[in-house]
C-alpha cells in the first residue's frame, strides 16, 4: 500500500502495518511506526521526528529540507536512513550523491568513571 500525503499534516501513525510506503510533503509533529514491518517513509519539505517502536525493516528517505530529522528507535531492527550528501541535489538519480546509514540493532555500553558510554 502507498499513502501519498500532499500538503501539511500534523502526524502520521502506523500500527501493525506491513509493506507500506508513506510519501509526505510536510509533517508538522512526527511519523510514528509501531509493531510494523517493511515500511518506507519519504520525507518532503518537513519531517522533524520519526519514532519507531517494535518494528522491522524501516527505511527512511530524507531530502535536503528535512535532513535534520530526529529518529528515535525502541526495540526496532534493521533501520536504514538515506539522505543526500551536503551540497548535493536531492533529486539526483546517482547513488554516489547519497549517504546510507544503518542503525545498529544492539549497542555496547560500558561504565567509564561516573557515566556510561
Protein backbone atom coordinates (compact mmCIF):
# COMPACT_ATOMS: atom_id res chain seq x y z
CA UNK A 1 0.00 0.00 0.00
CA UNK A 2 1.22 3.50 -0.79
CA UNK A 3 -0.03 6.53 1.14
CA UNK A 4 0.59 9.92 -0.51
CA UNK A 5 0.10 12.93 1.75
CA UNK A 6 0.30 16.25 -0.06
CA UNK A 7 0.18 19.47 1.90
CA UNK A 8 0.63 19.62 5.66
CA UNK A 9 -0.39 17.02 8.19
CA UNK A 10 0.08 17.10 11.95
CA UNK A 11 1.19 13.49 12.44
CA UNK A 12 1.21 10.05 10.83
CA UNK A 13 0.79 6.87 12.87
CA UNK A 14 1.16 3.34 11.54
CA UNK A 15 0.21 0.44 13.82
CA UNK A 16 0.61 -3.24 12.86
CA UNK A 17 1.18 -2.42 9.18
CA UNK A 18 3.13 -4.39 6.57
CA UNK A 19 4.57 -3.30 3.23
CA UNK A 20 3.50 0.35 3.46
CA UNK A 21 5.11 3.31 1.68
CA UNK A 22 4.41 6.77 3.10
CA UNK A 23 5.16 9.80 0.90
CA UNK A 24 4.86 13.08 2.79
CA UNK A 25 5.17 16.70 1.82
CA UNK A 26 5.08 18.35 5.24
CA UNK A 27 4.73 16.61 8.61
CA UNK A 28 4.41 19.09 11.48
CA UNK A 29 4.99 16.83 14.52
CA UNK A 30 6.13 13.26 13.73
CA UNK A 31 5.74 9.94 11.96
CA UNK A 32 5.18 7.08 14.37
CA UNK A 33 5.59 3.43 13.40
CA UNK A 34 4.66 0.72 15.92
CA UNK A 35 4.63 -3.09 15.58
CA UNK A 36 5.07 -2.84 11.81
CA UNK A 37 7.37 -4.29 9.16
CA UNK A 38 8.67 -3.36 5.70
CA UNK A 39 7.88 0.35 5.98
CA UNK A 40 9.29 3.10 3.76
CA UNK A 41 8.99 6.75 4.75
CA UNK A 42 9.80 9.53 2.28
CA UNK A 43 10.25 12.98 3.81
CA UNK A 44 9.42 16.03 1.75
CA UNK A 45 9.84 19.62 2.90
CA UNK A 46 9.42 18.99 6.65
CA UNK A 47 9.83 15.88 8.80
CA UNK A 48 11.03 16.74 12.33
CA UNK A 49 10.77 13.32 14.00
CA UNK A 50 10.38 9.61 13.25
CA UNK A 51 9.50 7.45 16.24
CA UNK A 52 9.96 3.72 15.58
CA UNK A 53 8.86 1.15 18.14
CA UNK A 54 8.99 -2.65 17.94
CA UNK A 55 9.19 -2.68 14.15
CA UNK A 56 11.32 -4.41 11.49
CA UNK A 57 12.74 -3.23 8.17
CA UNK A 58 12.08 0.51 8.27
CA UNK A 59 13.66 2.70 5.60
CA UNK A 60 13.64 6.49 5.86
CA UNK A 61 14.49 8.67 2.85
CA UNK A 62 15.21 12.34 3.58
CA UNK A 63 15.63 15.39 1.37
CA UNK A 64 17.93 18.35 2.00
CA UNK A 65 14.97 20.22 3.54
CA UNK A 66 14.38 17.60 6.24
CA UNK A 67 17.84 16.17 6.82
CA UNK A 68 17.76 17.37 10.46
CA UNK A 69 15.05 14.79 11.22
CA UNK A 70 15.42 13.12 14.61
CA UNK A 71 14.98 9.33 14.62
CA UNK A 72 14.08 7.55 17.86
CA UNK A 73 14.10 3.75 17.92
CA UNK A 74 12.92 1.34 20.59
CA UNK A 75 13.18 -2.43 20.01
CA UNK A 76 13.36 -1.85 16.26
CA UNK A 77 15.50 -3.91 13.88
CA UNK A 78 17.02 -3.03 10.52
CA UNK A 79 16.53 0.71 10.19
CA UNK A 80 18.10 2.39 7.16
CA UNK A 81 18.42 6.15 6.76
CA UNK A 82 19.22 7.62 3.34
CA UNK A 83 19.89 11.31 2.76
CA UNK A 84 21.73 13.47 0.20
CA UNK A 85 25.35 14.40 0.81
CA UNK A 86 25.94 18.02 1.76
CA UNK A 87 25.82 20.28 -1.28
CA UNK A 88 24.26 17.58 -3.49
CA UNK A 89 20.87 17.79 -5.14
CA UNK A 90 18.26 15.57 -3.52
CA UNK A 91 16.64 14.98 -6.93
CA UNK A 92 19.78 13.26 -8.22
CA UNK A 93 19.47 9.73 -9.57
CA UNK A 94 23.13 8.96 -8.83
CA UNK A 95 23.70 6.71 -5.82
CA UNK A 96 27.06 8.38 -5.12
CA UNK A 97 25.18 11.61 -4.23
CA UNK A 98 23.56 9.97 -1.20
CA UNK A 99 24.63 8.61 2.17
CA UNK A 100 23.00 5.46 3.55
CA UNK A 101 23.39 4.73 7.25
CA UNK A 102 22.19 1.63 9.06
CA UNK A 103 21.14 1.89 12.69
CA UNK A 104 22.76 -0.79 14.88
CA UNK A 105 20.40 -3.38 16.36
CA UNK A 106 22.46 -3.62 19.52
CA UNK A 107 24.78 -1.32 21.39
CA UNK A 108 27.75 -1.95 23.63
CA UNK A 109 27.67 0.09 26.82
CA UNK A 110 30.46 0.44 29.37
CA UNK A 111 30.84 2.24 32.66
CA UNK A 112 33.54 4.91 32.36
CA UNK A 113 34.06 6.86 35.56
CA UNK A 114 30.65 8.02 36.74
CA UNK A 115 28.93 7.73 33.36
CA UNK A 116 28.22 5.21 30.63
CA UNK A 117 29.44 5.26 27.03
